N, C-alpha and C. Protein backbone atom coordinates (compact mmCIF):
# COMPACT_ATOMS: atom_id res chain seq x y z
N UNK A 1 16.06 0.28 2.32
CA UNK A 1 14.79 0.06 3.29
C UNK A 1 14.86 -1.55 3.67
N UNK A 2 14.35 -1.51 5.29
CA UNK A 2 14.44 -2.68 6.19
C UNK A 2 13.43 -3.69 5.39
N UNK A 3 13.55 -4.89 5.45
CA UNK A 3 12.71 -5.72 4.88
C UNK A 3 11.23 -5.85 5.80
N UNK A 4 10.35 -5.77 5.03
CA UNK A 4 9.05 -5.73 5.80
C UNK A 4 8.31 -7.48 5.89
N UNK A 5 7.61 -7.61 6.65
CA UNK A 5 6.73 -9.22 6.89
C UNK A 5 6.12 -9.10 5.51
N UNK A 6 6.07 -10.40 4.88
CA UNK A 6 4.90 -10.69 3.79
C UNK A 6 3.58 -9.95 4.10
N UNK A 7 3.26 -9.02 3.05
CA UNK A 7 2.18 -8.33 3.20
C UNK A 7 1.14 -9.17 2.31
N UNK A 8 -0.15 -9.19 2.96
CA UNK A 8 -1.46 -10.17 2.29
C UNK A 8 -2.10 -9.32 1.41
N UNK A 9 -2.30 -9.71 0.34
CA UNK A 9 -3.36 -8.94 -0.62
C UNK A 9 -4.54 -8.58 0.03
N UNK A 10 -5.14 -9.51 0.96
CA UNK A 10 -6.42 -9.04 1.45
C UNK A 10 -6.40 -7.92 2.55
N UNK A 11 -5.07 -7.59 3.08
CA UNK A 11 -4.88 -6.59 3.69
C UNK A 11 -4.90 -5.29 3.03
N UNK A 12 -4.34 -5.24 1.62
CA UNK A 12 -4.22 -4.38 0.87
C UNK A 12 -5.48 -3.92 0.51
N UNK A 13 -6.48 -4.97 0.05
CA UNK A 13 -7.63 -4.45 -0.30
C UNK A 13 -8.45 -3.96 0.66
N UNK A 14 -8.30 -4.22 1.92
CA UNK A 14 -9.30 -3.74 3.15
C UNK A 14 -8.60 -2.16 3.47
N UNK A 15 -7.48 -2.15 3.36
CA UNK A 15 -7.03 -0.70 3.52
C UNK A 15 -7.31 0.23 2.57
N UNK A 16 -7.32 -0.32 1.15
CA UNK A 16 -7.91 0.37 0.05
C UNK A 16 -9.28 0.89 0.08
N UNK A 17 -10.28 -0.10 0.68
CA UNK A 17 -11.63 0.30 0.95
C UNK A 17 -11.57 1.27 2.09
N UNK A 18 -11.00 0.79 3.12
CA UNK A 18 -11.17 1.87 4.33
C UNK A 18 -10.71 3.43 3.93
N UNK A 19 -9.70 3.31 3.37
CA UNK A 19 -8.98 4.64 2.93
C UNK A 19 -8.69 4.92 1.57
N UNK A 20 -9.83 5.11 0.92
CA UNK A 20 -9.87 5.17 -0.73
C UNK A 20 -9.19 6.55 -1.02
N UNK A 21 -8.51 6.44 -2.31
CA UNK A 21 -8.05 7.74 -2.95
C UNK A 21 -9.03 8.49 -3.27
N UNK A 22 -9.05 9.68 -2.90
CA UNK A 22 -9.99 10.65 -3.26
C UNK A 22 -9.63 12.10 -3.32
N UNK A 23 -10.27 12.90 -3.87
CA UNK A 23 -9.92 14.44 -3.73
C UNK A 23 -10.20 15.10 -2.48
N UNK A 24 -9.71 15.86 -2.02
CA UNK A 24 -10.01 16.81 -0.71
C UNK A 24 -11.62 17.29 -0.99
N UNK A 25 -12.37 17.34 0.05
CA UNK A 25 -13.41 17.94 0.10
C UNK A 25 -13.24 19.38 0.36
N UNK A 26 -14.24 20.62 0.16
CA UNK A 26 -13.74 21.84 0.45
C UNK A 26 -13.71 22.10 1.94
N UNK A 27 -14.56 21.33 2.81
CA UNK A 27 -14.59 21.82 4.30
C UNK A 27 -13.62 20.90 5.04
N UNK A 28 -12.87 20.35 4.38
CA UNK A 28 -11.89 19.70 5.07
C UNK A 28 -10.61 20.48 5.35
N UNK A 29 -9.90 20.49 6.66
CA UNK A 29 -9.12 21.36 7.20
C UNK A 29 -7.64 20.93 6.66
N UNK A 30 -6.73 21.95 6.46
CA UNK A 30 -5.54 21.51 6.08
C UNK A 30 -4.93 20.06 6.76
N UNK A 31 -5.13 20.23 7.99
CA UNK A 31 -4.53 19.07 8.87
C UNK A 31 -5.10 17.93 8.34
N UNK A 32 -6.60 17.84 7.84
CA UNK A 32 -7.12 16.57 7.61
C UNK A 32 -6.56 16.13 6.20
N UNK A 33 -6.45 17.11 5.37
CA UNK A 33 -5.89 16.86 4.02
C UNK A 33 -4.60 15.97 4.11
N UNK A 34 -3.69 16.71 4.89
CA UNK A 34 -2.45 15.98 5.24
C UNK A 34 -2.51 14.56 5.78
N UNK A 35 -3.48 14.47 6.67
CA UNK A 35 -3.38 13.27 7.36
C UNK A 35 -4.00 12.10 6.43
N UNK A 36 -4.90 12.52 5.62
CA UNK A 36 -5.31 11.70 4.60
C UNK A 36 -4.25 11.45 3.30
N UNK A 37 -3.40 12.42 3.20
CA UNK A 37 -2.25 12.15 2.06
C UNK A 37 -1.46 10.93 2.89
N UNK A 38 -1.11 11.15 4.31
CA UNK A 38 -0.58 10.26 4.89
C UNK A 38 -0.83 8.93 4.80
N UNK A 39 -2.34 8.62 5.00
CA UNK A 39 -2.61 7.23 5.09
C UNK A 39 -2.68 6.77 3.53
N UNK A 40 -2.67 7.58 2.50
CA UNK A 40 -2.48 7.04 1.28
C UNK A 40 -1.28 6.64 0.76
N UNK A 41 -0.37 7.50 1.32
CA UNK A 41 1.41 7.37 1.20
C UNK A 41 1.79 5.58 2.06
N UNK A 42 1.09 5.69 3.01
CA UNK A 42 1.60 4.20 3.52
C UNK A 42 0.84 3.17 2.70
N UNK A 43 -0.18 3.26 2.32
CA UNK A 43 -0.75 2.30 1.41
C UNK A 43 0.03 2.16 0.13
N UNK A 44 0.30 3.22 -0.50
CA UNK A 44 1.15 3.10 -1.86
C UNK A 44 2.41 2.44 -1.59
N UNK A 45 3.07 2.89 -0.37
CA UNK A 45 4.31 2.06 0.09
C UNK A 45 4.04 0.42 0.14
N UNK A 46 3.00 0.02 0.99
CA UNK A 46 2.63 -1.32 1.17
C UNK A 46 2.26 -1.95 -0.26
N UNK A 47 1.78 -1.23 -0.91
CA UNK A 47 1.49 -1.76 -2.26
C UNK A 47 2.71 -2.10 -3.06
N UNK A 48 3.71 -1.22 -3.14
CA UNK A 48 4.87 -1.34 -3.73
C UNK A 48 5.77 -2.62 -3.17
N UNK A 49 5.72 -2.73 -1.91
CA UNK A 49 6.36 -3.77 -1.35
C UNK A 49 5.70 -5.24 -1.67
N UNK A 50 4.56 -5.15 -1.46
CA UNK A 50 3.64 -6.38 -2.01
C UNK A 50 3.98 -6.74 -3.21
N UNK A 51 3.95 -6.05 -4.47
CA UNK A 51 4.38 -6.04 -5.64
C UNK A 51 5.72 -6.86 -5.96
N UNK A 52 6.78 -6.05 -5.04
CA UNK A 52 8.21 -6.60 -5.01
C UNK A 52 8.15 -7.98 -4.58
N UNK A 53 7.43 -8.14 -3.41
CA UNK A 53 7.43 -9.56 -2.75
C UNK A 53 6.84 -10.61 -3.78
N UNK A 54 5.62 -10.22 -4.43
CA UNK A 54 5.31 -11.25 -5.61
C UNK A 54 6.19 -11.46 -6.62
N UNK A 55 6.88 -10.40 -7.09
CA UNK A 55 7.92 -10.51 -8.15
C UNK A 55 9.25 -11.76 -7.59
N UNK A 56 9.36 -11.33 -6.61
CA UNK A 56 10.53 -12.18 -5.88
C UNK A 56 10.11 -13.74 -5.84
N UNK A 57 8.79 -14.24 -5.36
CA UNK A 57 8.34 -15.19 -5.50
C UNK A 57 8.24 -15.84 -6.71
N UNK A 58 7.92 -15.01 -7.78
CA UNK A 58 7.89 -15.70 -9.09
C UNK A 58 9.20 -15.99 -9.73
N UNK A 59 10.18 -15.11 -9.31
CA UNK A 59 11.49 -15.52 -9.69
C UNK A 59 12.10 -16.59 -9.15
N UNK A 60 11.79 -16.71 -7.71
CA UNK A 60 12.27 -17.86 -6.94
C UNK A 60 11.40 -19.33 -7.72
N UNK A 61 10.26 -19.07 -7.77
CA UNK A 61 9.73 -20.31 -8.30
C UNK A 61 10.26 -20.60 -9.61
N UNK A 62 10.67 -19.77 -10.44
CA UNK A 62 11.43 -19.88 -11.74
C UNK A 62 12.84 -20.67 -11.57
N UNK A 63 13.38 -19.93 -10.80
CA UNK A 63 14.69 -20.66 -10.39
C UNK A 63 14.57 -22.11 -10.07
N UNK A 64 13.69 -22.49 -9.23
CA UNK A 64 13.45 -23.72 -8.74
C UNK A 64 13.01 -24.94 -9.54
N UNK A 65 12.73 -24.39 -10.71
CA UNK A 65 12.12 -25.44 -11.92
C UNK A 65 13.27 -26.17 -12.63
């Protein structure tokens, strides 16, 4: 995967609040369910990239000591 810019934790927190993980409601259409799945999929991807970026920072800090 191509490298993404540094992802701030504040952005992830805001996205988590705006698009929370939740079970579908019975009145949601199939399309709405899939759209919400897509929202969460992007947030999970960004969270994984953020965690990798944090690990890289820690590893690079350790090497510099």
